[in-house]
Amino acid sequence: MYITVIRDLTARASVMLALSLALLCAAIAGSPAQTNSAPTPSSDKVEQLLKLLDDPEVKAWITAKGAPPVAEIPAVPSPNDFMLWL
């Protein structure tokens, strides 16, 4: 009787230890991505880009290239999204 209780407690402790290690690894792996920041472009480059985007020839080229339309992100996830996350 005591052996089954000890086995049960050992199994639960093993599961808790495994979950704790998994969370620790996830926290360590995710931290470098949060500290890196993208370099900001100079204002001259941004102005050049805006001028190019306003150019009728560039607009015509973009439409001829057939850039896909930007899809809107739904505000509320659907049940199918939840199943994909699992």
C-alpha atoms as a PDB file:
ATOM      1  CA  MET A   1       0.000   0.000   0.000  1.00  0.00           C
ATOM      2  CA  TYR A   2       2.737   2.465   0.878  1.00  0.00           C
ATOM      3  CA  ILE A   3       4.640   1.530  -2.251  1.00  0.00           C
ATOM      4  CA  THR A   4       1.765   2.634  -4.507  1.00  0.00           C
ATOM      5  CA  VAL A   5       1.528   5.961  -2.666  1.00  0.00           C
ATOM      6  CA  ILE A   6       5.264   6.519  -3.057  1.00  0.00           C
ATOM      7  CA  ARG A   7       5.115   5.599  -6.758  1.00  0.00           C
ATOM      8  CA  ASP A   8       2.226   8.001  -7.281  1.00  0.00           C
ATOM      9  CA  LEU A   9       4.044  10.848  -5.563  1.00  0.00           C
ATOM     10  CA  THR A  10       7.234  10.095  -7.499  1.00  0.00           C
ATOM     11  CA  ALA A  11       5.338  10.127 -10.788  1.00  0.00           C
ATOM     12  CA  ARG A  12       3.714  13.468  -9.956  1.00  0.00           C
ATOM     13  CA  ALA A  13       7.040  14.953  -8.891  1.00  0.00           C
ATOM     14  CA  SER A  14       8.634  13.760 -12.142  1.00  0.00           C
ATOM     15  CA  VAL A  15       5.915  15.406 -14.211  1.00  0.00           C
ATOM     16  CA  MET A  16       6.249  18.667 -12.287  1.00  0.00           C
ATOM     17  CA  LEU A  17      10.020  18.607 -12.716  1.00  0.00           C
ATOM     18  CA  ALA A  18       9.706  17.993 -16.463  1.00  0.00           C
ATOM     19  CA  LEU A  19       7.214  20.852 -16.842  1.00  0.00           C
ATOM     20  CA  SER A  20       9.430  23.170 -14.817  1.00  0.00           C
ATOM     21  CA  LEU A  21      12.452  22.357 -16.980  1.00  0.00           C
ATOM     22  CA  ALA A  22      10.440  22.870 -20.164  1.00  0.00           C
ATOM     23  CA  LEU A  23       9.247  26.288 -18.987  1.00  0.00           C
ATOM     24  CA  LEU A  24      12.760  27.259 -17.969  1.00  0.00           C
ATOM     25  CA  CYS A  25      14.141  26.279 -21.377  1.00  0.00           C
ATOM     26  CA  ALA A  26      11.376  28.225 -23.124  1.00  0.00           C
ATOM     27  CA  ALA A  27      12.112  31.314 -21.052  1.00  0.00           C
ATOM     28  CA  ILE A  28      15.834  31.118 -21.753  1.00  0.00           C
ATOM     29  CA  ALA A  29      15.356  30.524 -25.480  1.00  0.00           C
ATOM     30  CA  GLY A  30      12.907  33.419 -25.866  1.00  0.00           C
ATOM     31  CA  SER A  31      14.892  36.081 -24.057  1.00  0.00           C
ATOM     32  CA  PRO A  32      17.529  36.969 -26.738  1.00  0.00           C
ATOM     33  CA  ALA A  33      14.851  37.710 -29.317  1.00  0.00           C
ATOM     34  CA  GLN A  34      13.335  40.332 -27.072  1.00  0.00           C
ATOM     35  CA  THR A  35      16.562  42.263 -26.560  1.00  0.00           C
ATOM     36  CA  ASN A  36      17.483  42.657 -30.248  1.00  0.00           C
ATOM     37  CA  SER A  37      16.017  45.700 -31.941  1.00  0.00           C
ATOM     38  CA  ALA A  38      15.884  46.434 -35.644  1.00  0.00           C
ATOM     39  CA  PRO A  39      18.033  49.331 -36.835  1.00  0.00           C
ATOM     40  CA  THR A  40      16.052  52.437 -37.670  1.00  0.00           C
ATOM     41  CA  PRO A  41      16.540  53.817 -41.178  1.00  0.00           C
ATOM     42  CA  SER A  42      17.659  57.379 -41.671  1.00  0.00           C
ATOM     43  CA  SER A  43      15.056  59.995 -42.509  1.00  0.00           C
ATOM     44  CA  ASP A  44      16.630  60.504 -45.954  1.00  0.00           C
ATOM     45  CA  LYS A  45      16.019  56.874 -46.871  1.00  0.00           C
ATOM     46  CA  VAL A  46      12.437  57.050 -45.652  1.00  0.00           C
ATOM     47  CA  GLU A  47      11.810  60.176 -47.709  1.00  0.00           C
ATOM     48  CA  GLN A  48      13.297  58.490 -50.802  1.00  0.00           C
ATOM     49  CA  LEU A  49      11.028  55.483 -50.290  1.00  0.00           C
ATOM     50  CA  LEU A  50       7.946  57.658 -49.935  1.00  0.00           C
ATOM     51  CA  LYS A  51       8.867  59.590 -53.098  1.00  0.00           C
ATOM     52  CA  LEU A  52       9.316  56.340 -55.001  1.00  0.00           C
ATOM     53  CA  LEU A  53       5.990  55.006 -53.806  1.00  0.00           C
ATOM     54  CA  ASP A  54       4.280  58.203 -54.987  1.00  0.00           C
ATOM     55  CA  ASP A  55       5.827  57.886 -58.458  1.00  0.00           C
ATOM     56  CA  PRO A  56       3.162  56.847 -61.043  1.00  0.00           C
ATOM     57  CA  GLU A  57       5.613  54.541 -62.863  1.00  0.00           C
ATOM     58  CA  VAL A  58       6.400  52.683 -59.655  1.00  0.00           C
ATOM     59  CA  LYS A  59       2.705  52.411 -58.809  1.00  0.00           C
ATOM     60  CA  ALA A  60       2.008  50.996 -62.262  1.00  0.00           C
ATOM     61  CA  TRP A  61       4.863  48.500 -61.904  1.00  0.00           C
ATOM     62  CA  ILE A  62       3.574  47.348 -58.510  1.00  0.00           C
ATOM     63  CA  THR A  63       0.055  46.820 -59.820  1.00  0.00           C
ATOM     64  CA  ALA A  64       1.388  45.039 -62.915  1.00  0.00           C
ATOM     65  CA  LYS A  65       3.541  42.822 -60.719  1.00  0.00           C
ATOM     66  CA  GLY A  66       0.359  41.657 -59.026  1.00  0.00           C
ATOM     67  CA  ALA A  67       1.222  42.162 -55.398  1.00  0.00           C
ATOM     68  CA  PRO A  68      -1.193  40.142 -53.278  1.00  0.00           C
ATOM     69  CA  PRO A  69      -3.658  42.164 -51.237  1.00  0.00           C
ATOM     70  CA  VAL A  70      -2.980  42.442 -47.554  1.00  0.00           C
ATOM     71  CA  ALA A  71      -5.307  40.131 -45.650  1.00  0.00           C
ATOM     72  CA  GLU A  72      -7.041  41.514 -42.616  1.00  0.00           C
ATOM     73  CA  ILE A  73      -6.442  39.737 -39.332  1.00  0.00           C
ATOM     74  CA  PRO A  74      -9.691  38.755 -37.625  1.00  0.00           C
ATOM     75  CA  ALA A  75     -10.241  40.437 -34.284  1.00  0.00           C
ATOM     76  CA  VAL A  76     -11.499  37.262 -32.599  1.00  0.00           C
ATOM     77  CA  PRO A  77      -9.861  33.897 -33.276  1.00  0.00           C
ATOM     78  CA  SER A  78     -12.150  31.239 -34.662  1.00  0.00           C
ATOM     79  CA  PRO A  79     -12.540  27.771 -33.135  1.00  0.00           C
ATOM     80  CA  ASN A  80     -10.470  26.409 -36.026  1.00  0.00           C
ATOM     81  CA  ASP A  81      -7.582  28.677 -35.004  1.00  0.00           C
ATOM     82  CA  PHE A  82      -7.800  27.323 -31.492  1.00  0.00           C
ATOM     83  CA  MET A  83      -7.600  23.752 -32.762  1.00  0.00           C
ATOM     84  CA  LEU A  84      -4.533  24.637 -34.827  1.00  0.00           C
ATOM     85  CA  TRP A  85      -2.808  26.078 -31.771  1.00  0.00           C
ATOM     86  CA  LEU A  86      -3.293  22.803 -29.939  1.00  0.00           C
END
